[in-house]
Amino acid sequence: MNKFYVPVAASTACILAQLLKPVGHFLIHGDWNPKLVYSSGDMPSSHSALVSALTLAIGLTDGFDTNTFYISLCFSVIICYDAANVRFYAGKNITVTQKLIDDLKDLFGSNIVLNDKIYMDKMKGVLGHTYFEVIGGVLLGLFIAFIFYIWFGGII
């Protein structure tokens, strides 16, 4: 087994997930946006792809009964949970806050003064992922790790 199998499989899964984001967005929403390659959120989750590829690669090389595998599995679960819950709802919170500010401006017009710089910040409303996007990232990562295992391991 090539000593670079684990990092190459994990890195490739992450990079491929980022490159696939415009495609996934187009298939789901019908809107082509190549800038999504550089963004967080959307389909598939690159964090989920990276950690699932890393965990499977470690399991395949070191064994599924090792501490290294269990540590990687624990961190993978935390990262996937964070992407689909904590970061997702942080993004929703940003969207709601921006809508509230816009509604206040519409309601009070020029009578409301929002001079603080924080109101001028352009914040991205999509930070995290839906469960579907996380699962897409996990499946991509598992696929890449398995294909690379066959390739690097000389099984075929």
N, C-alpha and C. Protein backbone atom coordinates (compact mmCIF):
# COMPACT_ATOMS: atom_id res chain seq x y z
N MET A 1 0.85 -1.19 0.00
CA MET A 1 0.00 0.00 0.00
C MET A 1 0.89 1.23 0.00
N ASN A 2 0.59 2.15 -0.85
CA ASN A 2 1.31 3.41 -0.94
C ASN A 2 1.13 4.20 0.34
N LYS A 3 2.24 4.73 0.89
CA LYS A 3 2.17 5.45 2.17
C LYS A 3 1.38 6.75 2.06
N PHE A 4 1.15 7.23 0.86
CA PHE A 4 0.39 8.47 0.68
C PHE A 4 -1.09 8.22 0.40
N TYR A 5 -1.51 6.97 0.45
CA TYR A 5 -2.91 6.65 0.14
C TYR A 5 -3.89 7.44 0.99
N VAL A 6 -3.72 7.45 2.30
CA VAL A 6 -4.69 8.10 3.19
C VAL A 6 -4.79 9.61 2.91
N PRO A 7 -3.68 10.36 2.92
CA PRO A 7 -3.82 11.80 2.67
C PRO A 7 -4.27 12.12 1.24
N VAL A 8 -3.85 11.32 0.27
CA VAL A 8 -4.25 11.58 -1.12
C VAL A 8 -5.74 11.31 -1.30
N ALA A 9 -6.24 10.23 -0.73
CA ALA A 9 -7.67 9.93 -0.84
C ALA A 9 -8.51 11.02 -0.17
N ALA A 10 -8.12 11.42 1.03
CA ALA A 10 -8.88 12.45 1.76
C ALA A 10 -8.83 13.79 1.03
N SER A 11 -7.64 14.19 0.59
CA SER A 11 -7.49 15.48 -0.10
C SER A 11 -8.25 15.49 -1.43
N THR A 12 -8.17 14.39 -2.15
CA THR A 12 -8.86 14.30 -3.43
C THR A 12 -10.37 14.39 -3.24
N ALA A 13 -10.89 13.72 -2.22
CA ALA A 13 -12.33 13.78 -1.95
C ALA A 13 -12.76 15.21 -1.65
N CYS A 14 -11.97 15.92 -0.86
CA CYS A 14 -12.29 17.31 -0.51
C CYS A 14 -12.25 18.21 -1.74
N ILE A 15 -11.20 18.11 -2.52
CA ILE A 15 -11.05 18.95 -3.71
C ILE A 15 -12.14 18.63 -4.74
N LEU A 16 -12.41 17.35 -4.94
CA LEU A 16 -13.45 16.96 -5.90
C LEU A 16 -14.82 17.47 -5.45
N ALA A 17 -15.09 17.41 -4.15
CA ALA A 17 -16.37 17.93 -3.64
C ALA A 17 -16.50 19.42 -3.94
N GLN A 18 -15.42 20.17 -3.74
CA GLN A 18 -15.46 21.61 -4.04
C GLN A 18 -15.68 21.85 -5.52
N LEU A 19 -15.02 21.06 -6.37
CA LEU A 19 -15.18 21.22 -7.81
C LEU A 19 -16.58 20.83 -8.29
N LEU A 20 -17.24 19.94 -7.55
CA LEU A 20 -18.58 19.48 -7.93
C LEU A 20 -19.69 20.41 -7.44
N LYS A 21 -19.37 21.36 -6.58
CA LYS A 21 -20.42 22.24 -6.02
C LYS A 21 -21.22 22.98 -7.09
N PRO A 22 -20.59 23.58 -8.11
CA PRO A 22 -21.41 24.23 -9.14
C PRO A 22 -22.33 23.24 -9.86
N VAL A 23 -21.86 22.02 -10.08
CA VAL A 23 -22.66 20.99 -10.75
C VAL A 23 -23.85 20.60 -9.87
N GLY A 24 -23.57 20.33 -8.59
CA GLY A 24 -24.64 19.96 -7.67
C GLY A 24 -25.68 21.06 -7.54
N HIS A 25 -25.22 22.30 -7.46
CA HIS A 25 -26.13 23.44 -7.35
C HIS A 25 -26.99 23.56 -8.61
N PHE A 26 -26.37 23.34 -9.76
CA PHE A 26 -27.11 23.41 -11.03
C PHE A 26 -28.17 22.32 -11.10
N LEU A 27 -27.82 21.10 -10.71
CA LEU A 27 -28.77 19.99 -10.77
C LEU A 27 -29.94 20.18 -9.82
N ILE A 28 -29.69 20.77 -8.66
CA ILE A 28 -30.74 20.95 -7.66
C ILE A 28 -31.56 22.22 -7.91
N HIS A 29 -30.87 23.31 -8.24
CA HIS A 29 -31.54 24.62 -8.33
C HIS A 29 -31.69 25.15 -9.76
N GLY A 30 -30.99 24.53 -10.73
CA GLY A 30 -31.08 24.99 -12.11
C GLY A 30 -30.32 26.28 -12.38
N ASP A 31 -29.42 26.63 -11.50
CA ASP A 31 -28.66 27.88 -11.61
C ASP A 31 -27.17 27.56 -11.64
N TRP A 32 -26.47 27.98 -12.69
CA TRP A 32 -25.03 27.72 -12.81
C TRP A 32 -24.25 28.84 -12.15
N ASN A 33 -23.42 28.49 -11.17
CA ASN A 33 -22.63 29.48 -10.44
C ASN A 33 -21.24 28.90 -10.18
N PRO A 34 -20.26 29.17 -11.06
CA PRO A 34 -18.92 28.60 -10.89
C PRO A 34 -18.19 29.10 -9.65
N LYS A 35 -18.62 30.22 -9.08
CA LYS A 35 -17.98 30.75 -7.87
C LYS A 35 -18.19 29.85 -6.66
N LEU A 36 -19.12 28.92 -6.75
CA LEU A 36 -19.37 28.00 -5.64
C LEU A 36 -18.17 27.10 -5.36
N VAL A 37 -17.26 26.99 -6.32
CA VAL A 37 -16.04 26.20 -6.11
C VAL A 37 -15.28 26.72 -4.89
N TYR A 38 -15.39 28.01 -4.63
CA TYR A 38 -14.64 28.64 -3.54
C TYR A 38 -15.48 28.90 -2.29
N SER A 39 -16.68 28.34 -2.23
CA SER A 39 -17.58 28.70 -1.14
C SER A 39 -17.84 27.56 -0.17
N SER A 40 -18.40 27.93 0.97
CA SER A 40 -18.86 26.93 1.93
C SER A 40 -20.33 26.65 1.64
N GLY A 41 -20.83 25.57 2.19
CA GLY A 41 -22.22 25.21 1.95
C GLY A 41 -22.39 24.57 0.58
N ASP A 42 -23.61 24.20 0.26
CA ASP A 42 -24.02 23.61 -1.01
C ASP A 42 -23.62 22.14 -1.11
N MET A 43 -23.94 21.54 -2.26
CA MET A 43 -23.82 20.11 -2.50
C MET A 43 -22.61 19.80 -3.36
N PRO A 44 -21.78 18.85 -2.98
CA PRO A 44 -21.75 18.09 -1.74
C PRO A 44 -20.88 18.78 -0.68
N SER A 45 -21.01 18.35 0.55
CA SER A 45 -20.20 18.90 1.63
C SER A 45 -18.76 18.43 1.49
N SER A 46 -17.84 19.36 1.31
CA SER A 46 -16.43 18.98 1.16
C SER A 46 -15.83 18.51 2.49
N HIS A 47 -16.30 19.09 3.60
CA HIS A 47 -15.81 18.64 4.91
C HIS A 47 -16.22 17.19 5.15
N SER A 48 -17.46 16.87 4.82
CA SER A 48 -17.95 15.50 4.99
C SER A 48 -17.24 14.54 4.06
N ALA A 49 -16.96 14.98 2.85
CA ALA A 49 -16.22 14.14 1.90
C ALA A 49 -14.82 13.86 2.42
N LEU A 50 -14.15 14.89 2.92
CA LEU A 50 -12.79 14.73 3.44
C LEU A 50 -12.75 13.76 4.61
N VAL A 51 -13.60 13.98 5.62
CA VAL A 51 -13.51 13.15 6.83
C VAL A 51 -14.00 11.73 6.59
N SER A 52 -14.96 11.53 5.71
CA SER A 52 -15.40 10.16 5.43
C SER A 52 -14.34 9.41 4.64
N ALA A 53 -13.69 10.07 3.70
CA ALA A 53 -12.60 9.43 2.96
C ALA A 53 -11.44 9.12 3.90
N LEU A 54 -11.11 10.06 4.76
CA LEU A 54 -10.03 9.86 5.73
C LEU A 54 -10.33 8.67 6.64
N THR A 55 -11.53 8.61 7.16
CA THR A 55 -11.90 7.54 8.10
C THR A 55 -11.90 6.17 7.42
N LEU A 56 -12.49 6.08 6.24
CA LEU A 56 -12.48 4.79 5.54
C LEU A 56 -11.06 4.39 5.16
N ALA A 57 -10.27 5.33 4.69
CA ALA A 57 -8.88 5.03 4.31
C ALA A 57 -8.09 4.52 5.51
N ILE A 58 -8.27 5.15 6.65
CA ILE A 58 -7.59 4.68 7.87
C ILE A 58 -8.08 3.29 8.24
N GLY A 59 -9.39 3.08 8.17
CA GLY A 59 -9.92 1.76 8.48
C GLY A 59 -9.39 0.68 7.55
N LEU A 60 -9.29 0.99 6.27
CA LEU A 60 -8.80 0.01 5.30
C LEU A 60 -7.31 -0.28 5.46
N THR A 61 -6.54 0.71 5.87
CA THR A 61 -5.09 0.51 5.98
C THR A 61 -4.66 0.04 7.37
N ASP A 62 -5.21 0.66 8.41
CA ASP A 62 -4.78 0.33 9.78
C ASP A 62 -5.67 -0.70 10.45
N GLY A 63 -6.86 -0.87 9.93
CA GLY A 63 -7.83 -1.79 10.52
C GLY A 63 -8.98 -1.03 11.16
N PHE A 64 -10.14 -1.66 11.14
CA PHE A 64 -11.33 -1.03 11.70
C PHE A 64 -11.43 -1.25 13.21
N ASP A 65 -10.44 -1.93 13.77
CA ASP A 65 -10.43 -2.18 15.21
C ASP A 65 -9.29 -1.44 15.91
N THR A 66 -8.84 -0.33 15.30
CA THR A 66 -7.73 0.43 15.87
C THR A 66 -8.22 1.73 16.50
N ASN A 67 -7.41 2.23 17.42
CA ASN A 67 -7.73 3.52 18.03
C ASN A 67 -7.74 4.64 17.00
N THR A 68 -6.84 4.57 16.04
CA THR A 68 -6.77 5.60 15.00
C THR A 68 -8.08 5.69 14.23
N PHE A 69 -8.63 4.53 13.89
CA PHE A 69 -9.91 4.52 13.18
C PHE A 69 -11.02 5.11 14.03
N TYR A 70 -11.09 4.71 15.30
CA TYR A 70 -12.17 5.21 16.18
C TYR A 70 -12.05 6.71 16.42
N ILE A 71 -10.83 7.20 16.56
CA ILE A 71 -10.63 8.65 16.73
C ILE A 71 -11.11 9.38 15.48
N SER A 72 -10.72 8.88 14.32
CA SER A 72 -11.14 9.50 13.06
C SER A 72 -12.66 9.43 12.90
N LEU A 73 -13.25 8.31 13.27
CA LEU A 73 -14.70 8.16 13.18
C LEU A 73 -15.42 9.16 14.08
N CYS A 74 -14.92 9.32 15.30
CA CYS A 74 -15.54 10.28 16.24
C CYS A 74 -15.48 11.70 15.68
N PHE A 75 -14.32 12.10 15.19
CA PHE A 75 -14.20 13.45 14.62
C PHE A 75 -15.05 13.60 13.36
N SER A 76 -15.17 12.54 12.59
CA SER A 76 -16.01 12.60 11.38
C SER A 76 -17.47 12.84 11.74
N VAL A 77 -17.95 12.13 12.75
CA VAL A 77 -19.34 12.31 13.18
C VAL A 77 -19.56 13.74 13.68
N ILE A 78 -18.62 14.25 14.45
CA ILE A 78 -18.73 15.62 14.98
C ILE A 78 -18.75 16.63 13.83
N ILE A 79 -17.87 16.47 12.86
CA ILE A 79 -17.78 17.41 11.74
C ILE A 79 -19.05 17.36 10.89
N CYS A 80 -19.55 16.16 10.62
CA CYS A 80 -20.79 16.04 9.83
C CYS A 80 -21.98 16.63 10.59
N TYR A 81 -22.05 16.38 11.89
CA TYR A 81 -23.12 16.95 12.70
C TYR A 81 -23.03 18.48 12.69
N ASP A 82 -21.83 18.98 12.86
CA ASP A 82 -21.62 20.44 12.87
C ASP A 82 -22.05 21.06 11.54
N ALA A 83 -21.69 20.42 10.44
CA ALA A 83 -22.03 20.95 9.11
C ALA A 83 -23.54 21.01 8.90
N ALA A 84 -24.24 19.97 9.35
CA ALA A 84 -25.68 19.88 9.10
C ALA A 84 -26.53 20.57 10.16
N ASN A 85 -25.95 20.90 11.27
CA ASN A 85 -26.75 21.50 12.34
C ASN A 85 -26.22 22.86 12.75
N VAL A 86 -25.08 22.90 13.39
CA VAL A 86 -24.56 24.15 13.95
C VAL A 86 -24.32 25.18 12.85
N ARG A 87 -23.53 24.82 11.84
CA ARG A 87 -23.23 25.78 10.77
C ARG A 87 -24.46 26.08 9.93
N PHE A 88 -25.33 25.10 9.72
CA PHE A 88 -26.55 25.32 8.94
C PHE A 88 -27.43 26.37 9.63
N TYR A 89 -27.63 26.21 10.94
CA TYR A 89 -28.50 27.16 11.65
C TYR A 89 -27.83 28.50 11.90
N ALA A 90 -26.52 28.53 11.95
CA ALA A 90 -25.82 29.83 12.02
C ALA A 90 -26.09 30.61 10.73
N GLY A 91 -26.06 29.92 9.61
CA GLY A 91 -26.37 30.56 8.33
C GLY A 91 -27.81 31.04 8.27
N LYS A 92 -28.73 30.22 8.78
CA LYS A 92 -30.14 30.63 8.84
C LYS A 92 -30.30 31.87 9.71
N ASN A 93 -29.58 31.91 10.83
CA ASN A 93 -29.64 33.06 11.73
C ASN A 93 -29.19 34.33 11.02
N ILE A 94 -28.14 34.23 10.22
CA ILE A 94 -27.66 35.39 9.45
C ILE A 94 -28.75 35.85 8.48
N THR A 95 -29.37 34.91 7.79
CA THR A 95 -30.42 35.25 6.83
C THR A 95 -31.60 35.95 7.52
N VAL A 96 -32.02 35.42 8.66
CA VAL A 96 -33.14 36.03 9.40
C VAL A 96 -32.77 37.43 9.88
N THR A 97 -31.55 37.59 10.39
CA THR A 97 -31.11 38.90 10.87
C THR A 97 -31.07 39.92 9.73
N GLN A 98 -30.54 39.50 8.58
CA GLN A 98 -30.51 40.41 7.43
C GLN A 98 -31.92 40.79 6.98
N LYS A 99 -32.84 39.85 7.01
CA LYS A 99 -34.23 40.12 6.63
C LYS A 99 -34.87 41.08 7.64
N LEU A 100 -34.58 40.90 8.91
CA LEU A 100 -35.11 41.78 9.95
C LEU A 100 -34.62 43.22 9.75
N ILE A 101 -33.35 43.37 9.44
CA ILE A 101 -32.79 44.71 9.18
C ILE A 101 -33.46 45.34 7.96
N ASP A 102 -33.63 44.56 6.90
CA ASP A 102 -34.31 45.07 5.70
C ASP A 102 -35.75 45.47 6.01
N ASP A 103 -36.44 44.65 6.80
CA ASP A 103 -37.83 44.96 7.17
C ASP A 103 -37.91 46.24 8.01
N LEU A 104 -36.95 46.42 8.92
CA LEU A 104 -36.93 47.65 9.73
C LEU A 104 -36.71 48.87 8.85
N LYS A 105 -35.82 48.75 7.88
CA LYS A 105 -35.57 49.87 6.96
C LYS A 105 -36.82 50.18 6.14
N ASP A 106 -37.52 49.12 5.69
CA ASP A 106 -38.75 49.33 4.92
C ASP A 106 -39.85 49.95 5.79
N LEU A 107 -39.94 49.51 7.02
CA LEU A 107 -41.00 49.98 7.92
C LEU A 107 -40.80 51.43 8.36
N PHE A 108 -39.56 51.75 8.72
CA PHE A 108 -39.29 53.08 9.27
C PHE A 108 -38.67 54.05 8.27
N GLY A 109 -38.25 53.53 7.13
CA GLY A 109 -37.67 54.38 6.08
C GLY A 109 -36.50 55.19 6.58
N SER A 110 -36.52 56.48 6.31
CA SER A 110 -35.39 57.35 6.69
C SER A 110 -35.41 57.71 8.17
N ASN A 111 -36.45 57.30 8.89
CA ASN A 111 -36.52 57.59 10.32
C ASN A 111 -35.61 56.70 11.15
N ILE A 112 -35.16 55.59 10.57
CA ILE A 112 -34.27 54.69 11.30
C ILE A 112 -32.84 54.92 10.82
N VAL A 113 -31.94 55.05 11.76
CA VAL A 113 -30.54 55.30 11.44
C VAL A 113 -29.73 54.10 11.92
N LEU A 114 -29.12 53.41 10.99
CA LEU A 114 -28.28 52.26 11.30
C LEU A 114 -26.85 52.59 10.87
N ASN A 115 -26.17 53.36 11.69
CA ASN A 115 -24.84 53.84 11.33
C ASN A 115 -23.71 52.88 11.69
N ASP A 116 -23.98 51.96 12.57
CA ASP A 116 -22.93 51.04 12.99
C ASP A 116 -22.45 50.22 11.79
N LYS A 117 -21.14 50.03 11.70
CA LYS A 117 -20.56 49.30 10.57
C LYS A 117 -21.07 47.86 10.47
N ILE A 118 -21.50 47.31 11.58
CA ILE A 118 -21.96 45.92 11.56
C ILE A 118 -23.16 45.73 10.64
N TYR A 119 -23.96 46.79 10.47
CA TYR A 119 -25.12 46.70 9.59
C TYR A 119 -24.73 46.75 8.11
N MET A 120 -23.52 47.14 7.83
CA MET A 120 -23.05 47.24 6.46
C MET A 120 -22.32 45.97 6.01
N ASP A 121 -21.97 45.10 6.96
CA ASP A 121 -21.25 43.87 6.63
C ASP A 121 -22.09 42.99 5.71
N LYS A 122 -21.46 42.49 4.68
CA LYS A 122 -22.10 41.53 3.79
C LYS A 122 -21.74 40.14 4.32
N MET A 123 -22.71 39.49 4.92
CA MET A 123 -22.47 38.17 5.49
C MET A 123 -23.15 37.11 4.63
N LYS A 124 -22.48 36.01 4.50
CA LYS A 124 -23.01 34.92 3.69
C LYS A 124 -24.03 34.13 4.50
N GLY A 125 -25.19 33.92 3.93
CA GLY A 125 -26.25 33.21 4.62
C GLY A 125 -26.12 31.70 4.56
N VAL A 126 -25.27 31.19 3.69
CA VAL A 126 -25.09 29.74 3.58
C VAL A 126 -23.72 29.39 4.15
N LEU A 127 -23.73 28.85 5.36
CA LEU A 127 -22.48 28.43 5.99
C LEU A 127 -22.39 26.91 6.07
N GLY A 128 -23.51 26.30 6.33
CA GLY A 128 -23.55 24.86 6.55
C GLY A 128 -24.26 24.13 5.44
N HIS A 129 -24.77 22.96 5.78
CA HIS A 129 -25.35 22.06 4.79
C HIS A 129 -26.66 21.47 5.27
N THR A 130 -27.47 21.05 4.32
CA THR A 130 -28.62 20.22 4.64
C THR A 130 -28.10 18.80 4.86
N TYR A 131 -28.96 17.95 5.43
CA TYR A 131 -28.55 16.55 5.62
C TYR A 131 -28.26 15.90 4.27
N PHE A 132 -29.02 16.24 3.26
CA PHE A 132 -28.82 15.70 1.91
C PHE A 132 -27.42 16.03 1.40
N GLU A 133 -26.97 17.27 1.61
CA GLU A 133 -25.64 17.70 1.15
C GLU A 133 -24.54 17.01 1.94
N VAL A 134 -24.75 16.80 3.23
CA VAL A 134 -23.77 16.08 4.05
C VAL A 134 -23.68 14.63 3.60
N ILE A 135 -24.82 13.99 3.39
CA ILE A 135 -24.82 12.60 2.93
C ILE A 135 -24.15 12.50 1.56
N GLY A 136 -24.38 13.47 0.69
CA GLY A 136 -23.70 13.49 -0.61
C GLY A 136 -22.19 13.55 -0.45
N GLY A 137 -21.72 14.37 0.48
CA GLY A 137 -20.28 14.46 0.75
C GLY A 137 -19.73 13.16 1.32
N VAL A 138 -20.47 12.56 2.24
CA VAL A 138 -20.03 11.29 2.84
C VAL A 138 -19.93 10.21 1.76
N LEU A 139 -20.94 10.10 0.92
CA LEU A 139 -20.92 9.08 -0.14
C LEU A 139 -19.77 9.31 -1.12
N LEU A 140 -19.53 10.57 -1.46
CA LEU A 140 -18.40 10.89 -2.35
C LEU A 140 -17.09 10.49 -1.70
N GLY A 141 -16.91 10.83 -0.43
CA GLY A 141 -15.68 10.49 0.28
C GLY A 141 -15.46 8.99 0.37
N LEU A 142 -16.51 8.25 0.69
CA LEU A 142 -16.39 6.79 0.78
C LEU A 142 -16.05 6.19 -0.58
N PHE A 143 -16.67 6.71 -1.63
CA PHE A 143 -16.40 6.23 -2.99
C PHE A 143 -14.94 6.48 -3.37
N ILE A 144 -14.45 7.69 -3.14
CA ILE A 144 -13.06 8.03 -3.48
C ILE A 144 -12.09 7.17 -2.70
N ALA A 145 -12.31 7.02 -1.39
CA ALA A 145 -11.40 6.22 -0.56
C ALA A 145 -11.37 4.77 -1.04
N PHE A 146 -12.52 4.23 -1.39
CA PHE A 146 -12.58 2.84 -1.85
C PHE A 146 -11.91 2.67 -3.20
N ILE A 147 -12.18 3.56 -4.14
CA ILE A 147 -11.56 3.49 -5.47
C ILE A 147 -10.05 3.64 -5.36
N PHE A 148 -9.59 4.59 -4.55
CA PHE A 148 -8.15 4.78 -4.38
C PHE A 148 -7.51 3.59 -3.67
N TYR A 149 -8.23 2.95 -2.78
CA TYR A 149 -7.72 1.75 -2.11
C TYR A 149 -7.47 0.65 -3.13
N ILE A 150 -8.41 0.49 -4.03
CA ILE A 150 -8.24 -0.51 -5.09
C ILE A 150 -7.08 -0.11 -5.99
N TRP A 151 -6.99 1.16 -6.34
CA TRP A 151 -5.94 1.65 -7.23
C TRP A 151 -4.57 1.57 -6.57
N PHE A 152 -4.41 2.14 -5.38
CA PHE A 152 -3.12 2.14 -4.71
C PHE A 152 -2.73 0.76 -4.20
N GLY A 153 -3.73 -0.05 -3.87
CA GLY A 153 -3.44 -1.37 -3.33
C GLY A 153 -3.14 -2.41 -4.39
N GLY A 154 -3.35 -2.05 -5.63
CA GLY A 154 -3.06 -2.99 -6.70
C GLY A 154 -3.99 -4.18 -6.73
N ILE A 155 -5.21 -4.00 -6.22
CA ILE A 155 -6.16 -5.10 -6.16
C ILE A 155 -6.65 -5.48 -7.56
N ILE A 156 -6.78 -4.48 -8.45
CA ILE A 156 -7.23 -4.80 -9.81
C ILE A 156 -6.05 -4.77 -10.77
